Amino acid sequence: MSPLIGVLALQGDVREHLAMLTNAGARAIGVRRPDELGDVDGLVLPGGESTTIAKLARIFEMFDPLKQAIAHGLPVYGTCAGMILLAERVLDGTSDQETFGGFDMTVRRNAFGRQVDSFEADLPIAGLKDPFHAVFIRAPWVEETGAEVEVLARAGDHPVAVRQGHLLATSFHPEVAGDDRLHRLFVDMVGTRDR
């Protein structure tokens, strides 16, 4: 049976990720409550606004269960704000910035600039045959990584796609590009993990 992958459905591109996961062969559901978290084989943290998502996760009592699930090996794919939420360390964050952590990396919020500085680029990504059309919207980048982090793609000198064990993150929005290859990579990660 195909894996059941949730999308944290508190804010951000939830519908778009659900569609991409379905295209990639997964069963996909929105996740808003802690009990739903226990049902999924993997989870996507969508783009949106990282501090808002963290605050909503506190309100919906999802923050601590999600942090624990990541620490205990739940496969998670974070895009844009989701990348920030997976980072152990954040630069240019708000004074009350919280993350779920798990990814041994330092991420800089809004590193590429404001909304008007959004851009698109075709990036070579390790493991993908052809370049990936990446859409960057107020995107972060990775400033530094721990020894276990594999850099999959860079924009200039900055890592923008990374993997560490059961965690995957991109600073861009693959769900709006119409290319499901990164979602397929994540579905494969979920399908091959030890249970």
N, C-alpha and C. Protein backbone atom coordinates (compact mmCIF):
# COMPACT_ATOMS: atom_id res chain seq x y z
N MET A 1 0.84 -1.18 0.00
CA MET A 1 0.00 0.00 0.00
C MET A 1 0.89 1.25 0.00
N SER A 2 0.48 2.28 -0.72
CA SER A 2 1.27 3.50 -0.78
C SER A 2 1.25 4.21 0.58
N PRO A 3 2.33 4.93 0.90
CA PRO A 3 2.40 5.58 2.21
C PRO A 3 1.36 6.68 2.36
N LEU A 4 0.96 6.90 3.60
CA LEU A 4 0.05 7.99 3.93
C LEU A 4 0.90 9.17 4.40
N ILE A 5 0.89 10.24 3.64
CA ILE A 5 1.71 11.40 3.96
C ILE A 5 0.82 12.59 4.25
N GLY A 6 1.05 13.21 5.38
CA GLY A 6 0.28 14.37 5.78
C GLY A 6 0.94 15.66 5.35
N VAL A 7 0.14 16.70 5.25
CA VAL A 7 0.64 18.06 5.06
C VAL A 7 0.14 18.86 6.26
N LEU A 8 1.05 19.48 6.99
CA LEU A 8 0.63 20.29 8.13
C LEU A 8 -0.28 21.40 7.60
N ALA A 9 -1.54 21.35 8.00
CA ALA A 9 -2.58 22.18 7.37
C ALA A 9 -3.00 23.33 8.28
N LEU A 10 -2.01 24.10 8.72
CA LEU A 10 -2.29 25.26 9.57
C LEU A 10 -2.20 26.56 8.79
N GLN A 11 -1.31 26.61 7.80
CA GLN A 11 -1.13 27.80 6.98
C GLN A 11 -0.22 27.41 5.82
N GLY A 12 -0.35 28.08 4.69
CA GLY A 12 0.56 27.83 3.58
C GLY A 12 -0.07 27.06 2.44
N ASP A 13 0.79 26.51 1.55
CA ASP A 13 0.36 25.86 0.31
C ASP A 13 -0.08 24.41 0.54
N VAL A 14 -1.10 24.23 1.34
CA VAL A 14 -1.53 22.89 1.73
C VAL A 14 -2.11 22.13 0.53
N ARG A 15 -3.09 22.72 -0.17
CA ARG A 15 -3.74 22.03 -1.30
C ARG A 15 -2.73 21.64 -2.38
N GLU A 16 -1.80 22.55 -2.66
CA GLU A 16 -0.82 22.29 -3.70
C GLU A 16 0.07 21.10 -3.35
N HIS A 17 0.49 21.01 -2.08
CA HIS A 17 1.30 19.86 -1.66
C HIS A 17 0.49 18.57 -1.69
N LEU A 18 -0.76 18.64 -1.27
CA LEU A 18 -1.61 17.43 -1.31
C LEU A 18 -1.72 16.91 -2.74
N ALA A 19 -1.90 17.81 -3.70
CA ALA A 19 -2.01 17.40 -5.11
C ALA A 19 -0.70 16.79 -5.60
N MET A 20 0.43 17.40 -5.25
CA MET A 20 1.73 16.88 -5.70
C MET A 20 2.02 15.51 -5.08
N LEU A 21 1.69 15.34 -3.82
CA LEU A 21 1.91 14.04 -3.17
C LEU A 21 1.05 12.96 -3.82
N THR A 22 -0.18 13.30 -4.14
CA THR A 22 -1.06 12.33 -4.80
C THR A 22 -0.50 11.96 -6.17
N ASN A 23 -0.03 12.97 -6.92
CA ASN A 23 0.61 12.72 -8.22
C ASN A 23 1.83 11.82 -8.07
N ALA A 24 2.51 11.95 -6.94
CA ALA A 24 3.75 11.20 -6.70
C ALA A 24 3.48 9.79 -6.16
N GLY A 25 2.21 9.42 -6.03
CA GLY A 25 1.88 8.05 -5.65
C GLY A 25 1.55 7.82 -4.20
N ALA A 26 1.47 8.88 -3.41
CA ALA A 26 1.14 8.73 -1.99
C ALA A 26 -0.35 8.94 -1.76
N ARG A 27 -0.83 8.45 -0.64
CA ARG A 27 -2.13 8.87 -0.13
C ARG A 27 -1.83 10.11 0.72
N ALA A 28 -2.58 11.18 0.54
CA ALA A 28 -2.24 12.45 1.18
C ALA A 28 -3.43 13.01 1.94
N ILE A 29 -3.14 13.54 3.15
CA ILE A 29 -4.19 14.16 3.98
C ILE A 29 -3.63 15.40 4.67
N GLY A 30 -4.53 16.32 4.97
CA GLY A 30 -4.17 17.46 5.80
C GLY A 30 -4.12 17.03 7.25
N VAL A 31 -3.16 17.57 8.00
CA VAL A 31 -2.99 17.23 9.41
C VAL A 31 -3.10 18.51 10.23
N ARG A 32 -4.06 18.52 11.18
CA ARG A 32 -4.27 19.70 12.04
C ARG A 32 -4.25 19.37 13.52
N ARG A 33 -4.37 18.08 13.85
CA ARG A 33 -4.48 17.69 15.27
C ARG A 33 -3.43 16.63 15.61
N PRO A 34 -3.02 16.59 16.86
CA PRO A 34 -1.99 15.63 17.27
C PRO A 34 -2.36 14.18 16.96
N ASP A 35 -3.64 13.80 17.12
CA ASP A 35 -4.01 12.42 16.87
C ASP A 35 -3.86 12.05 15.39
N GLU A 36 -4.00 13.03 14.49
CA GLU A 36 -3.80 12.77 13.06
C GLU A 36 -2.33 12.53 12.75
N LEU A 37 -1.46 13.15 13.53
CA LEU A 37 -0.02 12.99 13.33
C LEU A 37 0.40 11.53 13.50
N GLY A 38 -0.25 10.84 14.41
CA GLY A 38 0.08 9.43 14.65
C GLY A 38 -0.32 8.50 13.52
N ASP A 39 -1.17 8.98 12.61
CA ASP A 39 -1.66 8.15 11.51
C ASP A 39 -0.76 8.17 10.28
N VAL A 40 0.10 9.19 10.16
CA VAL A 40 0.84 9.38 8.91
C VAL A 40 2.22 8.72 8.95
N ASP A 41 2.68 8.34 7.76
CA ASP A 41 4.01 7.75 7.61
C ASP A 41 5.08 8.82 7.37
N GLY A 42 4.65 10.01 6.97
CA GLY A 42 5.55 11.12 6.72
C GLY A 42 4.73 12.40 6.72
N LEU A 43 5.43 13.54 6.72
CA LEU A 43 4.74 14.83 6.83
C LEU A 43 5.47 15.88 6.01
N VAL A 44 4.70 16.76 5.37
CA VAL A 44 5.25 17.93 4.68
C VAL A 44 4.92 19.17 5.50
N LEU A 45 5.95 19.99 5.73
CA LEU A 45 5.77 21.31 6.34
C LEU A 45 5.80 22.30 5.19
N PRO A 46 4.67 22.92 4.85
CA PRO A 46 4.61 23.76 3.66
C PRO A 46 5.23 25.13 3.87
N GLY A 47 5.39 25.85 2.76
CA GLY A 47 5.77 27.25 2.85
C GLY A 47 4.63 28.04 3.46
N GLY A 48 4.91 29.26 3.77
CA GLY A 48 3.96 30.15 4.43
C GLY A 48 4.79 31.13 5.23
N GLU A 49 4.46 31.34 6.49
CA GLU A 49 5.23 32.23 7.34
C GLU A 49 5.63 31.44 8.57
N SER A 50 6.92 31.25 8.77
CA SER A 50 7.41 30.31 9.78
C SER A 50 6.96 30.66 11.20
N THR A 51 6.97 31.93 11.58
CA THR A 51 6.55 32.26 12.94
C THR A 51 5.05 32.03 13.11
N THR A 52 4.26 32.32 12.08
CA THR A 52 2.81 32.10 12.15
C THR A 52 2.51 30.60 12.27
N ILE A 53 3.20 29.78 11.47
CA ILE A 53 2.98 28.33 11.54
C ILE A 53 3.32 27.81 12.93
N ALA A 54 4.46 28.27 13.49
CA ALA A 54 4.86 27.82 14.83
C ALA A 54 3.83 28.24 15.88
N LYS A 55 3.33 29.48 15.79
CA LYS A 55 2.32 29.94 16.75
C LYS A 55 1.03 29.16 16.62
N LEU A 56 0.60 28.89 15.39
CA LEU A 56 -0.61 28.09 15.18
C LEU A 56 -0.40 26.66 15.69
N ALA A 57 0.81 26.13 15.51
CA ALA A 57 1.10 24.79 16.03
C ALA A 57 0.97 24.76 17.55
N ARG A 58 1.36 25.83 18.21
CA ARG A 58 1.17 25.93 19.67
C ARG A 58 -0.32 25.97 20.00
N ILE A 59 -1.08 26.81 19.29
CA ILE A 59 -2.52 26.96 19.55
C ILE A 59 -3.25 25.64 19.35
N PHE A 60 -2.90 24.90 18.29
CA PHE A 60 -3.56 23.63 17.98
C PHE A 60 -2.92 22.44 18.70
N GLU A 61 -2.02 22.72 19.64
CA GLU A 61 -1.34 21.70 20.45
C GLU A 61 -0.59 20.69 19.60
N MET A 62 -0.04 21.19 18.48
CA MET A 62 0.73 20.34 17.57
C MET A 62 2.25 20.49 17.76
N PHE A 63 2.67 21.58 18.40
CA PHE A 63 4.09 21.91 18.41
C PHE A 63 4.93 20.80 19.06
N ASP A 64 4.63 20.47 20.32
CA ASP A 64 5.45 19.48 21.02
C ASP A 64 5.31 18.07 20.42
N PRO A 65 4.09 17.62 20.08
CA PRO A 65 4.00 16.30 19.43
C PRO A 65 4.78 16.23 18.12
N LEU A 66 4.77 17.30 17.35
CA LEU A 66 5.50 17.29 16.09
C LEU A 66 7.00 17.30 16.32
N LYS A 67 7.46 18.10 17.27
CA LYS A 67 8.88 18.13 17.62
C LYS A 67 9.35 16.73 18.06
N GLN A 68 8.53 16.06 18.87
CA GLN A 68 8.87 14.71 19.33
C GLN A 68 8.86 13.70 18.18
N ALA A 69 7.87 13.81 17.29
CA ALA A 69 7.78 12.89 16.16
C ALA A 69 9.01 13.01 15.26
N ILE A 70 9.47 14.24 15.03
CA ILE A 70 10.68 14.45 14.22
C ILE A 70 11.88 13.84 14.92
N ALA A 71 12.00 14.07 16.21
CA ALA A 71 13.12 13.52 16.98
C ALA A 71 13.12 11.99 16.98
N HIS A 72 11.92 11.40 16.86
CA HIS A 72 11.81 9.94 16.87
C HIS A 72 11.80 9.34 15.46
N GLY A 73 12.11 10.13 14.42
CA GLY A 73 12.32 9.57 13.10
C GLY A 73 11.22 9.73 12.08
N LEU A 74 10.17 10.51 12.37
CA LEU A 74 9.14 10.73 11.35
C LEU A 74 9.77 11.43 10.15
N PRO A 75 9.65 10.87 8.94
CA PRO A 75 10.16 11.57 7.77
C PRO A 75 9.38 12.87 7.53
N VAL A 76 10.11 13.96 7.34
CA VAL A 76 9.50 15.26 7.15
C VAL A 76 10.21 15.98 6.01
N TYR A 77 9.40 16.62 5.16
CA TYR A 77 9.91 17.45 4.07
C TYR A 77 9.43 18.87 4.32
N GLY A 78 10.36 19.79 4.51
CA GLY A 78 10.02 21.18 4.74
C GLY A 78 10.37 22.04 3.53
N THR A 79 9.42 22.86 3.07
CA THR A 79 9.67 23.75 1.94
C THR A 79 9.56 25.20 2.42
N CYS A 80 10.54 26.01 2.09
CA CYS A 80 10.59 27.43 2.42
C CYS A 80 10.42 27.63 3.93
N ALA A 81 9.26 28.08 4.40
CA ALA A 81 9.05 28.22 5.84
C ALA A 81 9.25 26.89 6.55
N GLY A 82 8.89 25.80 5.87
CA GLY A 82 9.10 24.46 6.45
C GLY A 82 10.57 24.16 6.67
N MET A 83 11.44 24.66 5.79
CA MET A 83 12.88 24.50 5.99
C MET A 83 13.31 25.22 7.27
N ILE A 84 12.81 26.44 7.46
CA ILE A 84 13.14 27.21 8.67
C ILE A 84 12.68 26.45 9.91
N LEU A 85 11.47 25.89 9.85
CA LEU A 85 10.91 25.18 11.01
C LEU A 85 11.67 23.90 11.35
N LEU A 86 12.39 23.33 10.39
CA LEU A 86 13.18 22.13 10.65
C LEU A 86 14.59 22.44 11.16
N ALA A 87 15.03 23.68 10.99
CA ALA A 87 16.40 24.05 11.35
C ALA A 87 16.60 24.10 12.86
N GLU A 88 17.78 23.68 13.28
CA GLU A 88 18.15 23.81 14.70
C GLU A 88 18.48 25.26 15.05
N ARG A 89 18.97 26.02 14.06
CA ARG A 89 19.40 27.39 14.31
C ARG A 89 18.88 28.30 13.20
N VAL A 90 18.40 29.52 13.59
CA VAL A 90 17.83 30.46 12.63
C VAL A 90 18.49 31.82 12.81
N LEU A 91 18.92 32.41 11.69
CA LEU A 91 19.44 33.77 11.69
C LEU A 91 18.36 34.71 11.14
N ASP A 92 18.35 35.93 11.63
CA ASP A 92 17.37 36.95 11.23
C ASP A 92 15.94 36.53 11.57
N GLY A 93 15.80 35.73 12.60
CA GLY A 93 14.48 35.35 13.06
C GLY A 93 13.88 36.41 13.95
N THR A 94 12.63 36.21 14.33
CA THR A 94 11.99 37.12 15.27
C THR A 94 12.48 36.80 16.68
N SER A 95 12.23 37.70 17.62
CA SER A 95 12.70 37.48 19.00
C SER A 95 12.06 36.25 19.63
N ASP A 96 10.87 35.88 19.15
CA ASP A 96 10.18 34.71 19.70
C ASP A 96 10.18 33.52 18.72
N GLN A 97 11.13 33.52 17.79
CA GLN A 97 11.21 32.46 16.77
C GLN A 97 11.35 31.09 17.43
N GLU A 98 10.50 30.15 17.04
CA GLU A 98 10.59 28.77 17.50
C GLU A 98 10.67 27.85 16.28
N THR A 99 11.37 26.75 16.43
CA THR A 99 11.40 25.75 15.37
C THR A 99 11.15 24.38 15.98
N PHE A 100 10.77 23.44 15.10
CA PHE A 100 10.62 22.05 15.53
C PHE A 100 12.00 21.39 15.62
N GLY A 101 12.95 21.90 14.83
CA GLY A 101 14.31 21.40 14.87
C GLY A 101 14.44 20.02 14.26
N GLY A 102 15.60 19.41 14.51
CA GLY A 102 15.89 18.08 13.99
C GLY A 102 16.96 18.09 12.91
N PHE A 103 17.06 19.20 12.17
CA PHE A 103 17.99 19.33 11.06
C PHE A 103 19.21 20.12 11.54
N ASP A 104 20.39 19.52 11.48
CA ASP A 104 21.60 20.16 11.97
C ASP A 104 22.08 21.20 10.96
N MET A 105 21.38 22.33 10.94
CA MET A 105 21.74 23.40 10.01
C MET A 105 21.33 24.75 10.60
N THR A 106 21.99 25.78 10.08
CA THR A 106 21.63 27.16 10.38
C THR A 106 21.01 27.75 9.13
N VAL A 107 19.81 28.30 9.26
CA VAL A 107 19.07 28.86 8.13
C VAL A 107 18.90 30.35 8.34
N ARG A 108 19.06 31.13 7.27
CA ARG A 108 18.80 32.57 7.33
C ARG A 108 17.44 32.86 6.71
N ARG A 109 16.54 33.44 7.52
CA ARG A 109 15.20 33.80 7.03
C ARG A 109 15.30 34.91 5.98
N ASN A 110 14.41 34.85 4.99
CA ASN A 110 14.31 35.89 3.95
C ASN A 110 15.66 36.26 3.37
N ALA A 111 16.52 35.26 3.20
CA ALA A 111 17.91 35.50 2.80
C ALA A 111 18.02 36.13 1.41
N PHE A 112 17.13 35.77 0.52
CA PHE A 112 17.18 36.30 -0.84
C PHE A 112 16.48 37.65 -0.98
N GLY A 113 15.88 38.14 0.11
CA GLY A 113 15.23 39.45 0.06
C GLY A 113 13.74 39.37 0.29
N ARG A 114 13.09 40.47 0.03
CA ARG A 114 11.65 40.61 0.26
C ARG A 114 10.85 39.99 -0.88
N GLN A 115 9.54 40.13 -0.79
CA GLN A 115 8.63 39.57 -1.80
C GLN A 115 9.00 40.02 -3.21
N VAL A 116 9.38 41.29 -3.35
CA VAL A 116 9.71 41.81 -4.69
C VAL A 116 10.99 41.20 -5.25
N ASP A 117 11.78 40.57 -4.39
CA ASP A 117 13.02 39.93 -4.82
C ASP A 117 12.83 38.46 -5.18
N SER A 118 11.60 37.99 -5.18
CA SER A 118 11.32 36.59 -5.54
C SER A 118 11.80 36.32 -6.96
N PHE A 119 12.22 35.09 -7.21
CA PHE A 119 12.76 34.75 -8.53
C PHE A 119 12.60 33.26 -8.80
N GLU A 120 12.88 32.88 -10.04
CA GLU A 120 12.84 31.48 -10.46
C GLU A 120 14.18 31.13 -11.09
N ALA A 121 14.59 29.87 -10.93
CA ALA A 121 15.88 29.42 -11.50
C ALA A 121 15.82 27.93 -11.77
N ASP A 122 16.51 27.49 -12.81
CA ASP A 122 16.64 26.06 -13.10
C ASP A 122 17.88 25.55 -12.39
N LEU A 123 17.69 24.65 -11.44
CA LEU A 123 18.78 24.18 -10.59
C LEU A 123 19.10 22.71 -10.83
N PRO A 124 20.38 22.37 -10.96
CA PRO A 124 20.73 20.96 -10.91
C PRO A 124 20.57 20.47 -9.46
N ILE A 125 19.93 19.33 -9.30
CA ILE A 125 19.71 18.76 -7.98
C ILE A 125 20.26 17.33 -7.98
N ALA A 126 21.09 17.03 -7.01
CA ALA A 126 21.68 15.69 -6.90
C ALA A 126 20.58 14.64 -6.91
N GLY A 127 20.74 13.64 -7.76
CA GLY A 127 19.77 12.56 -7.85
C GLY A 127 18.69 12.77 -8.89
N LEU A 128 18.59 13.97 -9.45
CA LEU A 128 17.61 14.24 -10.51
C LEU A 128 18.35 14.41 -11.83
N LYS A 129 17.83 13.80 -12.87
CA LYS A 129 18.51 13.81 -14.17
C LYS A 129 18.56 15.20 -14.79
N ASP A 130 17.44 15.89 -14.80
CA ASP A 130 17.35 17.21 -15.43
C ASP A 130 17.21 18.29 -14.36
N PRO A 131 17.58 19.55 -14.69
CA PRO A 131 17.42 20.63 -13.72
C PRO A 131 15.97 20.77 -13.26
N PHE A 132 15.82 21.32 -12.08
CA PHE A 132 14.50 21.52 -11.47
C PHE A 132 14.19 23.01 -11.52
N HIS A 133 13.00 23.36 -12.01
CA HIS A 133 12.60 24.77 -12.06
C HIS A 133 12.13 25.18 -10.67
N ALA A 134 12.96 25.94 -9.97
CA ALA A 134 12.71 26.31 -8.58
C ALA A 134 12.14 27.72 -8.48
N VAL A 135 11.09 27.86 -7.66
CA VAL A 135 10.44 29.14 -7.43
C VAL A 135 10.78 29.59 -6.01
N PHE A 136 11.50 30.70 -5.91
CA PHE A 136 11.94 31.24 -4.62
C PHE A 136 11.07 32.45 -4.27
N ILE A 137 10.36 32.37 -3.13
CA ILE A 137 9.49 33.46 -2.68
C ILE A 137 9.88 33.81 -1.24
N ARG A 138 10.49 35.00 -1.06
CA ARG A 138 10.98 35.39 0.28
C ARG A 138 11.72 34.21 0.93
N ALA A 139 12.60 33.62 0.17
CA ALA A 139 13.17 32.32 0.55
C ALA A 139 14.34 32.43 1.52
N PRO A 140 14.47 31.41 2.37
CA PRO A 140 15.67 31.29 3.19
C PRO A 140 16.79 30.63 2.40
N TRP A 141 17.97 30.62 2.97
CA TRP A 141 19.03 29.74 2.49
C TRP A 141 19.74 29.15 3.69
N VAL A 142 20.55 28.14 3.45
CA VAL A 142 21.28 27.48 4.52
C VAL A 142 22.64 28.15 4.64
N GLU A 143 22.94 28.63 5.85
CA GLU A 143 24.23 29.29 6.12
C GLU A 143 25.31 28.27 6.43
N GLU A 144 24.97 27.27 7.24
CA GLU A 144 25.95 26.22 7.56
C GLU A 144 25.24 24.93 7.90
N THR A 145 25.94 23.82 7.67
CA THR A 145 25.37 22.50 7.91
C THR A 145 26.29 21.68 8.79
N GLY A 146 25.67 20.75 9.50
CA GLY A 146 26.44 19.78 10.28
C GLY A 146 26.97 18.69 9.36
N ALA A 147 27.80 17.82 9.92
CA ALA A 147 28.49 16.79 9.15
C ALA A 147 27.55 15.79 8.50
N GLU A 148 26.36 15.59 9.06
CA GLU A 148 25.42 14.59 8.55
C GLU A 148 24.53 15.12 7.43
N VAL A 149 24.60 16.41 7.15
CA VAL A 149 23.71 17.03 6.17
C VAL A 149 24.32 16.94 4.78
N GLU A 150 23.53 16.42 3.83
CA GLU A 150 23.94 16.33 2.42
C GLU A 150 23.31 17.50 1.66
N VAL A 151 24.14 18.28 0.99
CA VAL A 151 23.64 19.39 0.18
C VAL A 151 23.28 18.84 -1.20
N LEU A 152 22.02 19.01 -1.59
CA LEU A 152 21.52 18.49 -2.87
C LEU A 152 21.54 19.53 -3.97
N ALA A 153 21.44 20.81 -3.61
CA ALA A 153 21.43 21.88 -4.62
C ALA A 153 21.85 23.19 -3.97
N ARG A 154 22.42 24.05 -4.83
CA ARG A 154 22.83 25.39 -4.40
C ARG A 154 22.28 26.42 -5.37
N ALA A 155 22.04 27.61 -4.84
CA ALA A 155 21.76 28.79 -5.67
C ALA A 155 22.93 29.73 -5.38
N GLY A 156 23.80 29.89 -6.36
CA GLY A 156 25.05 30.59 -6.10
C GLY A 156 25.88 29.77 -5.13
N ASP A 157 26.33 30.38 -4.06
CA ASP A 157 27.14 29.67 -3.06
C ASP A 157 26.31 29.07 -1.94
N HIS A 158 25.00 29.26 -1.98
CA HIS A 158 24.17 28.92 -0.83
C HIS A 158 23.36 27.64 -1.04
N PRO A 159 23.46 26.70 -0.09
CA PRO A 159 22.62 25.51 -0.16
C PRO A 159 21.14 25.88 -0.09
N VAL A 160 20.35 25.29 -1.01
CA VAL A 160 18.90 25.55 -1.03
C VAL A 160 18.09 24.26 -1.06
N ALA A 161 18.76 23.11 -1.10
CA ALA A 161 18.09 21.81 -0.97
C ALA A 161 19.05 20.91 -0.19
N VAL A 162 18.55 20.33 0.90
CA VAL A 162 19.40 19.54 1.79
C VAL A 162 18.63 18.32 2.30
N ARG A 163 19.43 17.34 2.72
CA ARG A 163 18.84 16.12 3.29
C ARG A 163 19.70 15.66 4.46
N GLN A 164 19.03 15.20 5.49
CA GLN A 164 19.72 14.60 6.64
C GLN A 164 18.88 13.43 7.14
N GLY A 165 19.31 12.22 6.83
CA GLY A 165 18.57 11.04 7.26
C GLY A 165 17.13 11.07 6.79
N HIS A 166 16.19 11.17 7.73
CA HIS A 166 14.76 11.13 7.42
C HIS A 166 14.17 12.51 7.11
N LEU A 167 15.04 13.52 7.00
CA LEU A 167 14.56 14.89 6.78
C LEU A 167 15.04 15.42 5.44
N LEU A 168 14.16 16.16 4.76
CA LEU A 168 14.44 16.77 3.46
C LEU A 168 13.94 18.21 3.54
N ALA A 169 14.68 19.14 2.95
CA ALA A 169 14.23 20.53 2.97
C ALA A 169 14.70 21.26 1.72
N THR A 170 13.82 22.15 1.22
CA THR A 170 14.18 23.03 0.12
C THR A 170 13.75 24.45 0.50
N SER A 171 14.55 25.42 0.08
CA SER A 171 14.18 26.81 0.37
C SER A 171 13.19 27.35 -0.66
N PHE A 172 12.97 26.60 -1.72
CA PHE A 172 12.04 27.01 -2.77
C PHE A 172 10.73 26.21 -2.67
N HIS A 173 9.80 26.53 -3.56
CA HIS A 173 8.44 25.97 -3.53
C HIS A 173 8.24 24.99 -4.69
N PRO A 174 8.54 23.71 -4.53
CA PRO A 174 8.35 22.77 -5.63
C PRO A 174 6.88 22.54 -5.96
N GLU A 175 5.99 22.83 -5.02
CA GLU A 175 4.57 22.57 -5.24
C GLU A 175 3.95 23.53 -6.25
N VAL A 176 4.61 24.65 -6.55
CA VAL A 176 4.03 25.58 -7.51
C VAL A 176 4.68 25.47 -8.89
N ALA A 177 5.69 24.63 -9.02
CA ALA A 177 6.43 24.51 -10.28
C ALA A 177 5.84 23.48 -11.23
N GLY A 178 4.92 22.64 -10.73
CA GLY A 178 4.32 21.62 -11.59
C GLY A 178 5.23 20.42 -11.84
N ASP A 179 6.27 20.28 -11.03
CA ASP A 179 7.24 19.18 -11.17
C ASP A 179 7.21 18.40 -9.87
N ASP A 180 6.79 17.13 -9.95
CA ASP A 180 6.62 16.36 -8.71
C ASP A 180 7.83 15.51 -8.33
N ARG A 181 8.98 15.75 -8.96
CA ARG A 181 10.14 14.88 -8.70
C ARG A 181 10.64 14.95 -7.26
N LEU A 182 10.63 16.11 -6.64
CA LEU A 182 11.07 16.18 -5.24
C LEU A 182 10.04 15.55 -4.31
N HIS A 183 8.76 15.67 -4.64
CA HIS A 183 7.74 14.97 -3.86
C HIS A 183 7.90 13.46 -4.03
N ARG A 184 8.25 13.02 -5.24
CA ARG A 184 8.51 11.58 -5.45
C ARG A 184 9.71 11.11 -4.64
N LEU A 185 10.75 11.95 -4.59
CA LEU A 185 11.91 11.62 -3.77
C LEU A 185 11.50 11.44 -2.32
N PHE A 186 10.65 12.35 -1.82
CA PHE A 186 10.20 12.24 -0.44
C PHE A 186 9.31 11.01 -0.24
N VAL A 187 8.42 10.75 -1.17
CA VAL A 187 7.56 9.55 -1.05
C VAL A 187 8.45 8.30 -0.99
N ASP A 188 9.50 8.26 -1.81
CA ASP A 188 10.43 7.12 -1.77
C ASP A 188 11.15 7.04 -0.42
N MET A 189 11.56 8.18 0.12
CA MET A 189 12.20 8.22 1.45
C MET A 189 11.26 7.61 2.49
N VAL A 190 10.00 8.02 2.45
CA VAL A 190 9.01 7.53 3.41
C VAL A 190 8.81 6.02 3.23
N GLY A 191 8.70 5.59 1.97
CA GLY A 191 8.43 4.18 1.69
C GLY A 191 9.56 3.24 2.06
N THR A 192 10.78 3.75 2.13
CA THR A 192 11.92 2.87 2.41
C THR A 192 12.42 2.96 3.85
N ARG A 193 11.80 3.78 4.68
CA ARG A 193 12.30 3.92 6.04
C ARG A 193 11.96 2.69 6.87
N ASP A 194 12.78 2.45 7.88
CA ASP A 194 12.53 1.35 8.80
C ASP A 194 11.38 1.74 9.72
N ARG A 195 10.45 0.82 9.90
CA ARG A 195 9.31 1.11 10.80
C ARG A 195 9.45 0.31 12.06
